[in-house]
Amino acid sequence: MLESGKQHEDAKKEALRGDFIYEPEAEDILRRLLPVYLETEIYRALLESAASFLAAQMTAMRNASKNANELIDRLTLAMNRARQAAITQEILEVVAGADALMN
C-alpha cells in the first residue's frame, strides 16, 4: 500500500514535469538566459526613457510654437492699431489745417 502511494506520487511529479527533455539542463538554460533577459529589460527601460523624453520635448516645442504664434498675433494687432491711430492723427491734422485755411 505504501509502495503504491509512493509510485502514484512519483507518477504525479513526472506528469507535472511533462514529457520534455532539456538539453542542456534547465539550470544551464536559466543561467544563460537570465543575463540576456536582464540586459533586454534594462535596454527596454532605457528606450522607454528616451521615448518619454522626446515626447516631452515635442510637447514643449508644440506649446512654445503655439505661444509664439499667439504673441505674434497680439503684437501684429497692436502694431496695426498704432499704425491706424497714426494715420487717423495725420488725417485729423490735415483736415484741421485745411479748415484753418478756409476760415
Protein backbone atom coordinates (compact mmCIF):
# COMPACT_ATOMS: atom_id res chain seq x y z
CA MET A 1 0.00 0.00 0.00
CA LEU A 2 2.76 2.44 0.96
CA GLU A 3 4.75 1.45 -2.11
CA SER A 4 1.82 2.14 -4.48
CA GLY A 5 1.26 5.57 -2.85
CA LYS A 6 4.90 6.47 -3.49
CA GLN A 7 4.66 5.28 -7.09
CA HIS A 8 1.49 7.27 -7.51
CA GLU A 9 3.24 10.37 -6.11
CA ASP A 10 6.22 9.82 -8.44
CA ALA A 11 3.84 9.46 -11.37
CA LYS A 12 2.18 12.78 -10.45
CA LYS A 13 5.53 14.55 -10.27
CA GLU A 14 6.55 13.09 -13.62
CA ALA A 15 3.25 14.19 -15.16
CA LEU A 16 3.78 17.72 -13.87
CA ARG A 17 7.25 17.88 -15.38
CA GLY A 18 5.85 16.92 -18.75
CA ASP A 19 7.48 14.97 -21.50
CA PHE A 20 10.24 17.46 -22.09
CA ILE A 21 13.89 16.64 -22.19
CA TYR A 22 16.05 19.67 -21.55
CA GLU A 23 19.39 19.70 -23.19
CA PRO A 24 21.34 21.37 -21.69
CA GLU A 25 19.80 21.13 -18.26
CA ALA A 26 17.13 23.64 -17.22
CA GLU A 27 19.56 25.25 -14.77
CA ASP A 28 22.10 25.84 -17.55
CA ILE A 29 19.42 27.36 -19.77
CA LEU A 30 18.34 29.65 -16.95
CA ARG A 31 21.95 30.62 -16.22
CA ARG A 32 22.41 31.59 -19.88
CA LEU A 33 19.05 33.30 -20.40
CA LEU A 34 18.85 35.29 -17.19
CA PRO A 35 21.65 37.77 -18.10
CA VAL A 36 20.17 38.19 -21.59
CA TYR A 37 16.73 38.80 -20.09
CA LEU A 38 18.07 41.36 -17.62
CA GLU A 39 20.05 43.12 -20.35
CA THR A 40 16.95 43.24 -22.55
CA GLU A 41 14.80 44.64 -19.74
CA ILE A 42 17.37 47.35 -18.95
CA TYR A 43 17.63 48.22 -22.66
CA ARG A 44 13.81 48.39 -22.90
CA ALA A 45 13.70 50.72 -19.88
CA LEU A 46 16.34 52.97 -21.46
CA LEU A 47 14.42 53.07 -24.75
CA GLU A 48 11.19 53.94 -22.95
CA SER A 49 13.01 56.66 -21.04
CA ALA A 50 14.41 58.14 -24.26
CA ALA A 51 11.00 57.95 -25.95
CA SER A 52 9.39 59.66 -22.97
CA PHE A 53 12.00 62.43 -23.05
CA LEU A 54 11.48 63.00 -26.77
CA ALA A 55 7.70 63.06 -26.35
CA ALA A 56 8.00 65.63 -23.57
CA GLN A 57 10.36 67.68 -25.72
CA MET A 58 7.91 67.58 -28.64
CA THR A 59 5.07 68.71 -26.37
CA ALA A 60 7.18 71.56 -25.00
CA MET A 61 8.12 72.69 -28.52
CA ARG A 62 4.48 72.48 -29.68
CA ASN A 63 3.42 74.64 -26.72
CA ALA A 64 6.26 77.10 -27.36
CA SER A 65 5.26 77.41 -31.03
CA LYS A 66 1.62 77.96 -30.07
CA ASN A 67 2.59 80.63 -27.54
CA ALA A 68 4.88 82.33 -30.07
CA ASN A 69 2.08 82.41 -32.68
CA GLU A 70 -0.32 83.90 -30.13
CA LEU A 71 2.29 86.55 -29.23
CA ILE A 72 2.83 87.35 -32.93
CA ASP A 73 -0.93 87.77 -33.39
CA ARG A 74 -1.21 90.12 -30.37
CA LEU A 75 1.79 92.19 -31.44
CA THR A 76 0.52 92.40 -35.04
CA LEU A 77 -2.84 93.65 -33.77
CA ALA A 78 -1.14 96.23 -31.51
CA MET A 79 1.07 97.38 -34.41
CA ASN A 80 -1.94 97.71 -36.73
CA ARG A 81 -3.84 99.73 -34.10
CA ALA A 82 -0.85 102.04 -33.58
CA ARG A 83 -0.44 102.48 -37.35
CA GLN A 84 -4.16 103.17 -37.77
CA ALA A 85 -4.04 105.70 -34.90
CA ALA A 86 -1.09 107.46 -36.56
CA ILE A 87 -2.92 107.60 -39.91
CA THR A 88 -6.07 108.92 -38.22
CA GLN A 89 -4.00 111.55 -36.41
CA GLU A 90 -2.43 112.68 -39.71
CA ILE A 91 -5.84 112.89 -41.37
CA LEU A 92 -7.16 114.98 -38.46
CA GLU A 93 -4.17 117.32 -38.74
CA VAL A 94 -4.66 117.73 -42.48
CA VAL A 95 -8.38 118.38 -42.04
CA ALA A 96 -7.71 120.84 -39.20
CA GLY A 97 -5.11 122.63 -41.35
CA ALA A 98 -7.47 122.80 -44.33
CA ASP A 99 -10.27 124.03 -42.04
CA ALA A 100 -7.97 126.74 -40.67
CA LEU A 101 -7.13 127.87 -44.22
CA MET A 102 -10.82 128.01 -45.14
CA ASN A 103 -11.73 130.16 -42.15
